[in-house]
Amino acid sequence: MAAKQAFLMAFGCAVAVLALFAVLAIVGSLLVAAILPRGHPLGDQLRTFASQVPSLAVHGAMWVRMLIVVGGIGLLVVSVLLTDPAFHF
């Protein structure tokens, strides 16, 4: 039960930080695009980037989840191998 809570806490914190970065990227790029005159190429690129940030954030959250799961399984395997009396280096 503790491992599940640790996973949920780690995943929740990682997703919260990722969501914060996504919101800051969207707001920042749209703010800069609003300052630029209409039809400016950089403003158009920033608006396009702001529209793609939610998709990038979702893909990032899935990568974070995969890394946490693989890391947890790796730690579990290492801890089992180190505590097993039949296993010798």
N, C-alpha and C. Protein backbone atom coordinates (compact mmCIF):
# COMPACT_ATOMS: atom_id res chain seq x y z
N MET A 1 0.82 -1.19 0.00
CA MET A 1 0.00 0.00 0.00
C MET A 1 0.87 1.26 0.00
N ALA A 2 2.00 1.21 0.72
CA ALA A 2 2.88 2.37 0.80
C ALA A 2 3.52 2.65 -0.55
N ALA A 3 3.83 1.60 -1.31
CA ALA A 3 4.44 1.79 -2.63
C ALA A 3 3.46 2.48 -3.57
N LYS A 4 2.18 2.11 -3.47
CA LYS A 4 1.17 2.74 -4.32
C LYS A 4 1.02 4.21 -3.97
N GLN A 5 1.03 4.53 -2.69
CA GLN A 5 0.92 5.92 -2.26
C GLN A 5 2.15 6.72 -2.69
N ALA A 6 3.33 6.10 -2.61
CA ALA A 6 4.55 6.78 -3.04
C ALA A 6 4.52 7.05 -4.53
N PHE A 7 4.03 6.07 -5.30
CA PHE A 7 3.92 6.26 -6.75
C PHE A 7 2.95 7.39 -7.07
N LEU A 8 1.80 7.38 -6.42
CA LEU A 8 0.80 8.41 -6.69
C LEU A 8 1.32 9.79 -6.28
N MET A 9 2.06 9.85 -5.20
CA MET A 9 2.62 11.13 -4.77
C MET A 9 3.67 11.63 -5.76
N ALA A 10 4.56 10.74 -6.18
CA ALA A 10 5.60 11.13 -7.13
C ALA A 10 4.99 11.51 -8.47
N PHE A 11 4.03 10.73 -8.94
CA PHE A 11 3.39 11.03 -10.22
C PHE A 11 2.59 12.32 -10.12
N GLY A 12 1.88 12.51 -9.03
CA GLY A 12 1.09 13.72 -8.85
C GLY A 12 1.96 14.97 -8.82
N CYS A 13 3.08 14.91 -8.12
CA CYS A 13 3.99 16.07 -8.06
C CYS A 13 4.59 16.34 -9.43
N ALA A 14 4.99 15.30 -10.14
CA ALA A 14 5.58 15.48 -11.47
C ALA A 14 4.56 16.06 -12.45
N VAL A 15 3.34 15.58 -12.40
CA VAL A 15 2.30 16.10 -13.29
C VAL A 15 1.94 17.53 -12.93
N ALA A 16 1.93 17.85 -11.64
CA ALA A 16 1.64 19.23 -11.22
C ALA A 16 2.71 20.19 -11.73
N VAL A 17 3.97 19.81 -11.63
CA VAL A 17 5.05 20.65 -12.15
C VAL A 17 4.95 20.77 -13.66
N LEU A 18 4.65 19.66 -14.34
CA LEU A 18 4.50 19.69 -15.79
C LEU A 18 3.33 20.58 -16.20
N ALA A 19 2.23 20.51 -15.48
CA ALA A 19 1.07 21.37 -15.79
C ALA A 19 1.41 22.83 -15.55
N LEU A 20 2.16 23.12 -14.50
CA LEU A 20 2.58 24.50 -14.24
C LEU A 20 3.44 25.03 -15.38
N PHE A 21 4.40 24.23 -15.84
CA PHE A 21 5.23 24.65 -16.96
C PHE A 21 4.40 24.85 -18.22
N ALA A 22 3.41 23.98 -18.44
CA ALA A 22 2.55 24.11 -19.62
C ALA A 22 1.75 25.40 -19.57
N VAL A 23 1.19 25.71 -18.41
CA VAL A 23 0.41 26.94 -18.27
C VAL A 23 1.31 28.16 -18.47
N LEU A 24 2.50 28.13 -17.88
CA LEU A 24 3.42 29.25 -18.05
C LEU A 24 3.85 29.40 -19.50
N ALA A 25 4.07 28.29 -20.21
CA ALA A 25 4.45 28.36 -21.62
C ALA A 25 3.32 28.93 -22.46
N ILE A 26 2.09 28.50 -22.18
CA ILE A 26 0.95 29.01 -22.95
C ILE A 26 0.75 30.50 -22.69
N VAL A 27 0.71 30.87 -21.41
CA VAL A 27 0.45 32.27 -21.06
C VAL A 27 1.59 33.16 -21.55
N GLY A 28 2.82 32.72 -21.36
CA GLY A 28 3.96 33.52 -21.79
C GLY A 28 4.01 33.74 -23.29
N SER A 29 3.81 32.66 -24.04
CA SER A 29 3.87 32.81 -25.49
C SER A 29 2.69 33.64 -26.02
N LEU A 30 1.51 33.47 -25.44
CA LEU A 30 0.38 34.28 -25.88
C LEU A 30 0.52 35.74 -25.47
N LEU A 31 1.15 35.99 -24.34
CA LEU A 31 1.39 37.36 -23.91
C LEU A 31 2.37 38.06 -24.85
N VAL A 32 3.44 37.38 -25.20
CA VAL A 32 4.41 37.96 -26.14
C VAL A 32 3.76 38.14 -27.52
N ALA A 33 2.95 37.16 -27.94
CA ALA A 33 2.27 37.27 -29.23
C ALA A 33 1.28 38.42 -29.24
N ALA A 34 0.67 38.72 -28.10
CA ALA A 34 -0.29 39.82 -28.03
C ALA A 34 0.42 41.17 -28.12
N ILE A 35 1.65 41.22 -27.65
CA ILE A 35 2.40 42.47 -27.71
C ILE A 35 2.85 42.76 -29.15
N LEU A 36 3.17 41.73 -29.90
CA LEU A 36 3.63 41.92 -31.27
C LEU A 36 2.49 42.37 -32.17
N PRO A 37 2.80 43.11 -33.22
CA PRO A 37 1.73 43.54 -34.13
C PRO A 37 1.13 42.37 -34.89
N ARG A 38 -0.12 42.54 -35.31
CA ARG A 38 -0.84 41.48 -36.03
C ARG A 38 -0.12 41.17 -37.35
N GLY A 39 0.03 39.92 -37.64
CA GLY A 39 0.69 39.50 -38.88
C GLY A 39 2.19 39.32 -38.74
N HIS A 40 2.72 39.58 -37.56
CA HIS A 40 4.15 39.38 -37.33
C HIS A 40 4.44 37.88 -37.34
N PRO A 41 5.48 37.42 -38.08
CA PRO A 41 5.74 35.98 -38.17
C PRO A 41 6.02 35.32 -36.81
N LEU A 42 6.73 36.02 -35.95
CA LEU A 42 7.02 35.45 -34.63
C LEU A 42 5.75 35.29 -33.80
N GLY A 43 4.84 36.26 -33.90
CA GLY A 43 3.57 36.16 -33.18
C GLY A 43 2.75 34.96 -33.65
N ASP A 44 2.75 34.72 -34.96
CA ASP A 44 2.03 33.57 -35.49
C ASP A 44 2.66 32.26 -35.01
N GLN A 45 3.98 32.21 -34.97
CA GLN A 45 4.66 31.00 -34.49
C GLN A 45 4.39 30.77 -33.01
N LEU A 46 4.35 31.84 -32.23
CA LEU A 46 4.06 31.69 -30.80
C LEU A 46 2.64 31.22 -30.56
N ARG A 47 1.68 31.71 -31.36
CA ARG A 47 0.30 31.23 -31.22
C ARG A 47 0.20 29.75 -31.59
N THR A 48 0.92 29.35 -32.63
CA THR A 48 0.93 27.94 -33.02
C THR A 48 1.55 27.08 -31.91
N PHE A 49 2.65 27.57 -31.33
CA PHE A 49 3.29 26.85 -30.23
C PHE A 49 2.35 26.71 -29.05
N ALA A 50 1.64 27.79 -28.71
CA ALA A 50 0.70 27.75 -27.58
C ALA A 50 -0.41 26.75 -27.82
N SER A 51 -0.80 26.55 -29.05
CA SER A 51 -1.86 25.57 -29.33
C SER A 51 -1.35 24.13 -29.23
N GLN A 52 -0.04 23.93 -29.35
CA GLN A 52 0.53 22.57 -29.28
C GLN A 52 1.00 22.18 -27.88
N VAL A 53 1.09 23.13 -26.98
CA VAL A 53 1.60 22.85 -25.63
C VAL A 53 0.75 21.81 -24.87
N PRO A 54 -0.59 21.85 -24.91
CA PRO A 54 -1.34 20.82 -24.17
C PRO A 54 -1.03 19.40 -24.63
N SER A 55 -0.87 19.20 -25.91
CA SER A 55 -0.52 17.88 -26.42
C SER A 55 0.87 17.47 -25.94
N LEU A 56 1.81 18.40 -25.97
CA LEU A 56 3.16 18.10 -25.48
C LEU A 56 3.14 17.78 -24.00
N ALA A 57 2.31 18.46 -23.23
CA ALA A 57 2.23 18.21 -21.78
C ALA A 57 1.68 16.82 -21.49
N VAL A 58 0.69 16.39 -22.27
CA VAL A 58 0.12 15.05 -22.07
C VAL A 58 1.16 13.99 -22.40
N HIS A 59 1.88 14.18 -23.49
CA HIS A 59 2.93 13.21 -23.84
C HIS A 59 4.03 13.20 -22.77
N GLY A 60 4.36 14.37 -22.25
CA GLY A 60 5.35 14.44 -21.18
C GLY A 60 4.90 13.74 -19.92
N ALA A 61 3.62 13.86 -19.59
CA ALA A 61 3.08 13.18 -18.40
C ALA A 61 3.15 11.66 -18.57
N MET A 62 2.90 11.18 -19.77
CA MET A 62 2.98 9.74 -20.00
C MET A 62 4.43 9.25 -19.90
N TRP A 63 5.39 10.05 -20.37
CA TRP A 63 6.80 9.69 -20.24
C TRP A 63 7.21 9.68 -18.77
N VAL A 64 6.77 10.66 -18.01
CA VAL A 64 7.09 10.71 -16.59
C VAL A 64 6.53 9.48 -15.88
N ARG A 65 5.29 9.12 -16.22
CA ARG A 65 4.68 7.95 -15.59
C ARG A 65 5.48 6.70 -15.92
N MET A 66 5.90 6.56 -17.19
CA MET A 66 6.67 5.39 -17.57
C MET A 66 8.00 5.34 -16.83
N LEU A 67 8.66 6.49 -16.70
CA LEU A 67 9.94 6.52 -16.00
C LEU A 67 9.77 6.17 -14.52
N ILE A 68 8.71 6.65 -13.90
CA ILE A 68 8.47 6.33 -12.49
C ILE A 68 8.18 4.84 -12.32
N VAL A 69 7.38 4.27 -13.21
CA VAL A 69 7.05 2.84 -13.11
C VAL A 69 8.30 1.99 -13.33
N VAL A 70 9.07 2.30 -14.37
CA VAL A 70 10.29 1.52 -14.65
C VAL A 70 11.29 1.67 -13.51
N GLY A 71 11.43 2.89 -12.99
CA GLY A 71 12.32 3.09 -11.86
C GLY A 71 11.87 2.35 -10.62
N GLY A 72 10.56 2.32 -10.36
CA GLY A 72 10.03 1.58 -9.23
C GLY A 72 10.25 0.09 -9.36
N ILE A 73 10.04 -0.44 -10.57
CA ILE A 73 10.28 -1.87 -10.79
C ILE A 73 11.76 -2.18 -10.64
N GLY A 74 12.60 -1.29 -11.15
CA GLY A 74 14.05 -1.50 -11.00
C GLY A 74 14.48 -1.49 -9.54
N LEU A 75 13.95 -0.54 -8.76
CA LEU A 75 14.27 -0.52 -7.33
C LEU A 75 13.76 -1.76 -6.61
N LEU A 76 12.59 -2.23 -7.01
CA LEU A 76 12.05 -3.44 -6.40
C LEU A 76 12.93 -4.64 -6.70
N VAL A 77 13.37 -4.78 -7.93
CA VAL A 77 14.24 -5.90 -8.31
C VAL A 77 15.56 -5.82 -7.56
N VAL A 78 16.15 -4.65 -7.50
CA VAL A 78 17.43 -4.50 -6.79
C VAL A 78 17.26 -4.80 -5.31
N SER A 79 16.19 -4.31 -4.70
CA SER A 79 16.00 -4.56 -3.27
C SER A 79 15.75 -6.04 -2.99
N VAL A 80 15.05 -6.72 -3.88
CA VAL A 80 14.83 -8.15 -3.70
C VAL A 80 16.14 -8.91 -3.84
N LEU A 81 16.94 -8.53 -4.83
CA LEU A 81 18.22 -9.22 -5.02
C LEU A 81 19.17 -8.97 -3.86
N LEU A 82 19.16 -7.76 -3.31
CA LEU A 82 20.08 -7.46 -2.22
C LEU A 82 19.66 -8.10 -0.91
N THR A 83 18.36 -8.32 -0.70
CA THR A 83 17.89 -8.91 0.56
C THR A 83 17.71 -10.42 0.48
N ASP A 84 17.88 -11.00 -0.69
CA ASP A 84 17.71 -12.45 -0.84
C ASP A 84 18.97 -13.15 -0.33
N PRO A 85 18.85 -14.03 0.69
CA PRO A 85 20.05 -14.69 1.24
C PRO A 85 20.66 -15.68 0.26
N ALA A 86 19.89 -16.17 -0.70
CA ALA A 86 20.43 -17.15 -1.64
C ALA A 86 21.23 -16.49 -2.76
N PHE A 87 21.13 -15.19 -2.92
CA PHE A 87 21.83 -14.49 -3.98
C PHE A 87 23.18 -14.01 -3.47
N HIS A 88 24.24 -14.37 -4.17
CA HIS A 88 25.61 -13.96 -3.80
C HIS A 88 26.25 -13.26 -4.98
N PHE A 89 26.99 -12.18 -4.68
CA PHE A 89 27.71 -11.48 -5.75
C PHE A 89 28.92 -12.25 -6.16
